[in-house]
């Protein structure tokens, strides 16, 4: 995206959107499920937050 638009013509939001989509695609579903389970476990133990 930087090569296409040039560094001066790209916003941070556009860059984050592009990187986030590609990054999420690289993480296997099993890892995503495990992380969600760990987050839920943590949040259930720390409900007062």
Protein backbone atom coordinates (compact mmCIF):
# COMPACT_ATOMS: atom_id res chain seq x y z
CA UNK A 1 0.00 0.00 0.00
CA UNK A 2 2.91 2.36 0.70
CA UNK A 3 4.44 1.56 -2.68
CA UNK A 4 1.10 2.15 -4.40
CA UNK A 5 0.16 5.43 -2.73
CA UNK A 6 3.50 6.73 -1.52
CA UNK A 7 4.48 7.42 2.07
CA UNK A 8 3.12 10.96 2.02
CA UNK A 9 -0.28 9.89 0.65
CA UNK A 10 -1.27 7.22 3.17
CA UNK A 11 -2.97 7.62 6.52
CA UNK A 12 -2.21 5.68 9.67
CA UNK A 13 -5.75 4.28 9.60
CA UNK A 14 -5.23 2.91 6.08
CA UNK A 15 -1.95 1.32 7.08
CA UNK A 16 -3.42 -0.24 10.22
CA UNK A 17 -6.37 -1.61 8.26
CA UNK A 18 -4.08 -3.23 5.70
CA UNK A 19 -1.69 -4.70 8.26
CA UNK A 20 -4.46 -5.93 10.56
CA UNK A 21 -6.24 -7.84 7.81
CA UNK A 22 -3.06 -9.58 6.68
CA UNK A 23 -1.92 -10.27 10.24
CA UNK A 24 -5.21 -11.87 11.24
CA UNK A 25 -5.12 -14.09 8.17
CA UNK A 26 -1.70 -15.42 9.21
CA UNK A 27 -2.82 -16.56 12.69
CA UNK A 28 -4.20 -20.12 12.68
CA UNK A 29 -7.77 -20.61 13.94
CA UNK A 30 -6.58 -22.90 16.74
CA UNK A 31 -4.40 -20.12 18.14
CA UNK A 32 -7.25 -17.60 17.89
CA UNK A 33 -9.58 -19.95 19.79
CA UNK A 34 -6.97 -20.60 22.47
CA UNK A 35 -6.36 -16.88 22.98
CA UNK A 36 -10.09 -16.15 23.26
CA UNK A 37 -10.43 -18.92 25.84
CA UNK A 38 -7.52 -17.52 27.86
CA UNK A 39 -8.95 -14.01 27.73
CA UNK A 40 -12.35 -15.22 28.89
CA UNK A 41 -10.73 -17.15 31.74
CA UNK A 42 -8.74 -14.09 32.81
CA UNK A 43 -11.77 -11.81 32.64
CA UNK A 44 -13.92 -14.20 34.64
CA UNK A 45 -11.29 -14.21 37.41
CA UNK A 46 -11.03 -10.41 37.36
CA UNK A 47 -14.66 -9.38 37.05
CA UNK A 48 -14.13 -6.35 39.27
CA UNK A 49 -12.18 -4.63 36.48
